[in-house]
C-alpha atoms as a PDB file:
ATOM      1  CA  MET A   1     126.306  98.859  91.889  1.00  0.00           C
ATOM      2  CA  CYS A   2     128.476 101.720  90.707  1.00  0.00           C
ATOM      3  CA  ALA A   3     126.190 102.676  87.814  1.00  0.00           C
ATOM      4  CA  GLU A   4     123.156 102.598  90.107  1.00  0.00           C
ATOM      5  CA  CYS A   5     124.900 104.782  92.674  1.00  0.00           C
ATOM      6  CA  ARG A   6     125.673 107.440  90.117  1.00  0.00           C
ATOM      7  CA  GLU A   7     121.964 107.802  89.342  1.00  0.00           C
ATOM      8  CA  VAL A   8     121.048 108.804  92.910  1.00  0.00           C
ATOM      9  CA  SER A   9     119.415 112.193  93.222  1.00  0.00           C
ATOM     10  CA  SER A  10     120.792 114.965  95.410  1.00  0.00           C
ATOM     11  CA  SER A  11     117.856 114.619  97.793  1.00  0.00           C
ATOM     12  CA  CYS A  12     119.102 111.248  99.089  1.00  0.00           C
ATOM     13  CA  LYS A  13     120.009 111.530 102.759  1.00  0.00           C
ATOM     14  CA  ILE A  14     121.364 108.019 103.248  1.00  0.00           C
ATOM     15  CA  ALA A  15     122.293 105.435 100.654  1.00  0.00           C
ATOM     16  CA  TRP A  16     122.006 101.852 101.865  1.00  0.00           C
ATOM     17  CA  ARG A  17     124.012  98.924 100.612  1.00  0.00           C
ATOM     18  CA  HIS A  18     121.479  96.159 101.147  1.00  0.00           C
ATOM     19  CA  ARG A  19     122.676  92.570 101.359  1.00  0.00           C
ATOM     20  CA  VAL A  20     126.406  92.867 100.927  1.00  0.00           C
ATOM     21  CA  ASP A  21     127.543  91.475  97.567  1.00  0.00           C
ATOM     22  CA  ARG A  22     130.172  88.828  98.283  1.00  0.00           C
ATOM     23  CA  ASN A  23     131.566  89.184  94.747  1.00  0.00           C
ATOM     24  CA  THR A  24     132.397  92.886  95.179  1.00  0.00           C
ATOM     25  CA  PRO A  25     134.758  93.996  97.933  1.00  0.00           C
ATOM     26  CA  ILE A  26     132.905  96.215 100.393  1.00  0.00           C
ATOM     27  CA  GLN A  27     135.778  98.696 100.124  1.00  0.00           C
ATOM     28  CA  ASP A  28     134.922  99.222  96.422  1.00  0.00           C
ATOM     29  CA  THR A  29     131.235  99.721  97.146  1.00  0.00           C
ATOM     30  CA  VAL A  30     131.841 102.133 100.016  1.00  0.00           C
ATOM     31  CA  GLY A  31     134.505 103.918  97.976  1.00  0.00           C
ATOM     32  CA  THR A  32     131.936 104.604  95.253  1.00  0.00           C
ATOM     33  CA  LEU A  33     129.402 105.770  97.829  1.00  0.00           C
ATOM     34  CA  ALA A  34     132.076 107.989  99.428  1.00  0.00           C
ATOM     35  CA  GLU A  35     132.587 109.682  96.054  1.00  0.00           C
ATOM     36  CA  LEU A  36     128.863 110.434  95.992  1.00  0.00           C
ATOM     37  CA  VAL A  37     129.114 111.929  99.485  1.00  0.00           C
ATOM     38  CA  ALA A  38     132.007 114.117  98.311  1.00  0.00           C
ATOM     39  CA  GLU A  39     129.942 115.217  95.286  1.00  0.00           C
ATOM     40  CA  GLY A  40     127.032 116.106  97.572  1.00  0.00           C
ATOM     41  CA  LYS A  41     124.684 113.587  95.963  1.00  0.00           C
ATOM     42  CA  ILE A  42     124.126 111.660  99.184  1.00  0.00           C
ATOM     43  CA  ARG A  43     124.766 112.602 102.788  1.00  0.00           C
ATOM     44  CA  HIS A  44     125.396 109.316 104.578  1.00  0.00           C
ATOM     45  CA  ILE A  45     126.245 105.665 103.978  1.00  0.00           C
ATOM     46  CA  GLY A  46     124.363 102.770 105.534  1.00  0.00           C
ATOM     47  CA  LEU A  47     124.900  99.021 105.423  1.00  0.00           C
ATOM     48  CA  SER A  48     122.351  96.271 105.771  1.00  0.00           C
ATOM     49  CA  GLU A  49     122.861  92.828 107.325  1.00  0.00           C
ATOM     50  CA  ALA A  50     126.644  93.214 107.526  1.00  0.00           C
ATOM     51  CA  TRP A  51     128.820  91.509 110.125  1.00  0.00           C
ATOM     52  CA  VAL A  52     131.805  92.713 112.138  1.00  0.00           C
ATOM     53  CA  ASP A  53     134.641  92.287 109.620  1.00  0.00           C
ATOM     54  CA  THR A  54     132.606  93.834 106.797  1.00  0.00           C
ATOM     55  CA  ILE A  55     131.575  96.779 108.962  1.00  0.00           C
ATOM     56  CA  ARG A  56     135.202  97.419 109.982  1.00  0.00           C
ATOM     57  CA  ARG A  57     136.455  97.291 106.366  1.00  0.00           C
ATOM     58  CA  ALA A  58     133.658  99.572 105.160  1.00  0.00           C
ATOM     59  CA  HIS A  59     134.125 102.071 107.992  1.00  0.00           C
ATOM     60  CA  ALA A  60     137.874 102.250 107.254  1.00  0.00           C
ATOM     61  CA  VAL A  61     137.066 103.630 103.783  1.00  0.00           C
ATOM     62  CA  HIS A  62     134.367 106.101 104.876  1.00  0.00           C
ATOM     63  CA  PRO A  63     132.352 106.535 108.091  1.00  0.00           C
ATOM     64  CA  VAL A  64     129.255 104.358 108.064  1.00  0.00           C
ATOM     65  CA  THR A  65     126.283 106.147 109.611  1.00  0.00           C
ATOM     66  CA  ALA A  66     123.928 103.242 110.306  1.00  0.00           C
ATOM     67  CA  LEU A  67     123.543  99.493 110.123  1.00  0.00           C
ATOM     68  CA  GLN A  68     120.193  97.998 109.220  1.00  0.00           C
ATOM     69  CA  SER A  69     119.895  94.656 110.952  1.00  0.00           C
ATOM     70  CA  GLU A  70     117.273  92.190 112.033  1.00  0.00           C
ATOM     71  CA  TYR A  71     117.050  92.625 115.775  1.00  0.00           C
ATOM     72  CA  SER A  72     113.965  91.718 117.751  1.00  0.00           C
ATOM     73  CA  LEU A  73     112.646  89.809 120.728  1.00  0.00           C
ATOM     74  CA  TRP A  74     113.204  86.627 118.727  1.00  0.00           C
ATOM     75  CA  THR A  75     116.445  87.477 116.952  1.00  0.00           C
ATOM     76  CA  ARG A  76     119.229  88.835 119.099  1.00  0.00           C
ATOM     77  CA  ASP A  77     122.199  87.712 116.982  1.00  0.00           C
ATOM     78  CA  PRO A  78     123.862  91.164 116.782  1.00  0.00           C
ATOM     79  CA  GLU A  79     124.171  91.553 120.565  1.00  0.00           C
ATOM     80  CA  PRO A  80     127.453  89.794 121.379  1.00  0.00           C
ATOM     81  CA  GLU A  81     129.616  91.029 118.488  1.00  0.00           C
ATOM     82  CA  VAL A  82     127.962  93.651 116.312  1.00  0.00           C
ATOM     83  CA  LEU A  83     126.430  96.008 118.878  1.00  0.00           C
ATOM     84  CA  PRO A  84     129.707  96.557 120.790  1.00  0.00           C
ATOM     85  CA  LEU A  85     131.453  97.352 117.481  1.00  0.00           C
ATOM     86  CA  LEU A  86     128.729  99.823 116.512  1.00  0.00           C
ATOM     87  CA  ARG A  87     129.133 101.566 119.869  1.00  0.00           C
ATOM     88  CA  GLU A  88     132.908 101.682 119.383  1.00  0.00           C
ATOM     89  CA  LEU A  89     132.634 103.207 115.892  1.00  0.00           C
ATOM     90  CA  GLY A  90     129.665 105.490 116.610  1.00  0.00           C
ATOM     91  CA  ILE A  91     127.360 103.758 114.131  1.00  0.00           C
ATOM     92  CA  GLY A  92     123.601 103.783 114.684  1.00  0.00           C
ATOM     93  CA  VAL A  93     121.251 100.816 114.374  1.00  0.00           C
ATOM     94  CA  TRP A  94     118.196 100.764 112.130  1.00  0.00           C
ATOM     95  CA  ARG A  95     116.301  97.807 113.548  1.00  0.00           C
ATOM     96  CA  VAL A  96     114.198  95.675 111.249  1.00  0.00           C
ATOM     97  CA  SER A  97     112.314  92.534 112.129  1.00  0.00           C
ATOM     98  CA  GLU A  98     110.450  89.761 110.436  1.00  0.00           C
ATOM     99  CA  SER A  99     106.733  90.218 109.777  1.00  0.00           C
ATOM    100  CA  ARG A 100     105.895  87.737 112.517  1.00  0.00           C
ATOM    101  CA  GLU A 101     106.809  90.400 115.048  1.00  0.00           C
ATOM    102  CA  ARG A 102     103.745  92.592 115.220  1.00  0.00           C
ATOM    103  CA  VAL A 103     104.267  93.861 118.739  1.00  0.00           C
ATOM    104  CA  SER A 104     103.487  97.437 117.736  1.00  0.00           C
ATOM    105  CA  GLU A 105      99.963  96.394 116.771  1.00  0.00           C
ATOM    106  CA  PHE A 106      99.177  95.381 120.357  1.00  0.00           C
ATOM    107  CA  PRO A 107      98.765  97.627 123.389  1.00  0.00           C
ATOM    108  CA  ALA A 108     101.991  98.152 125.288  1.00  0.00           C
ATOM    109  CA  ALA A 109     100.297  97.227 128.545  1.00  0.00           C
ATOM    110  CA  LEU A 110      96.866  96.143 129.684  1.00  0.00           C
ATOM    111  CA  PRO A 111      95.503  96.568 133.178  1.00  0.00           C
ATOM    112  CA  VAL A 112      95.975  93.481 135.368  1.00  0.00           C
ATOM    113  CA  GLY A 113      93.232  90.925 134.706  1.00  0.00           C
ATOM    114  CA  THR A 114      92.371  92.372 131.294  1.00  0.00           C
ATOM    115  CA  THR A 115      92.709  90.052 128.309  1.00  0.00           C
ATOM    116  CA  SER A 116      91.514  92.362 125.528  1.00  0.00           C
ATOM    117  CA  VAL A 117      90.920  95.976 124.706  1.00  0.00           C
ATOM    118  CA  SER A 118      87.278  97.034 124.468  1.00  0.00           C
ATOM    119  CA  SER A 119      86.391  99.788 122.052  1.00  0.00           C
END
């Protein structure tokens, strides 16, 4: 992770730590990313699929800007624990969902009695 981080170009606005590595303390990873923020190589730090304790430990080292998490009509796992913590710490959510959720491909609303969109 550390060697990869050091290769990031100065145009990087947010560096994501995808899938937290359980063999490396999150404090070490975020500490390395914080050095890159201080050097001006990245602007923000984001985490992906992290849970409450990991988010708290990471945020204690350096402010985390966003959390990327699966959150959809079918998966609402972050609601009871993660979302309140994100509000408390001022961290944004970058919502991702499984490919089965293709809601954006369908019209938001159809007139009553309509079952399809005619072209």
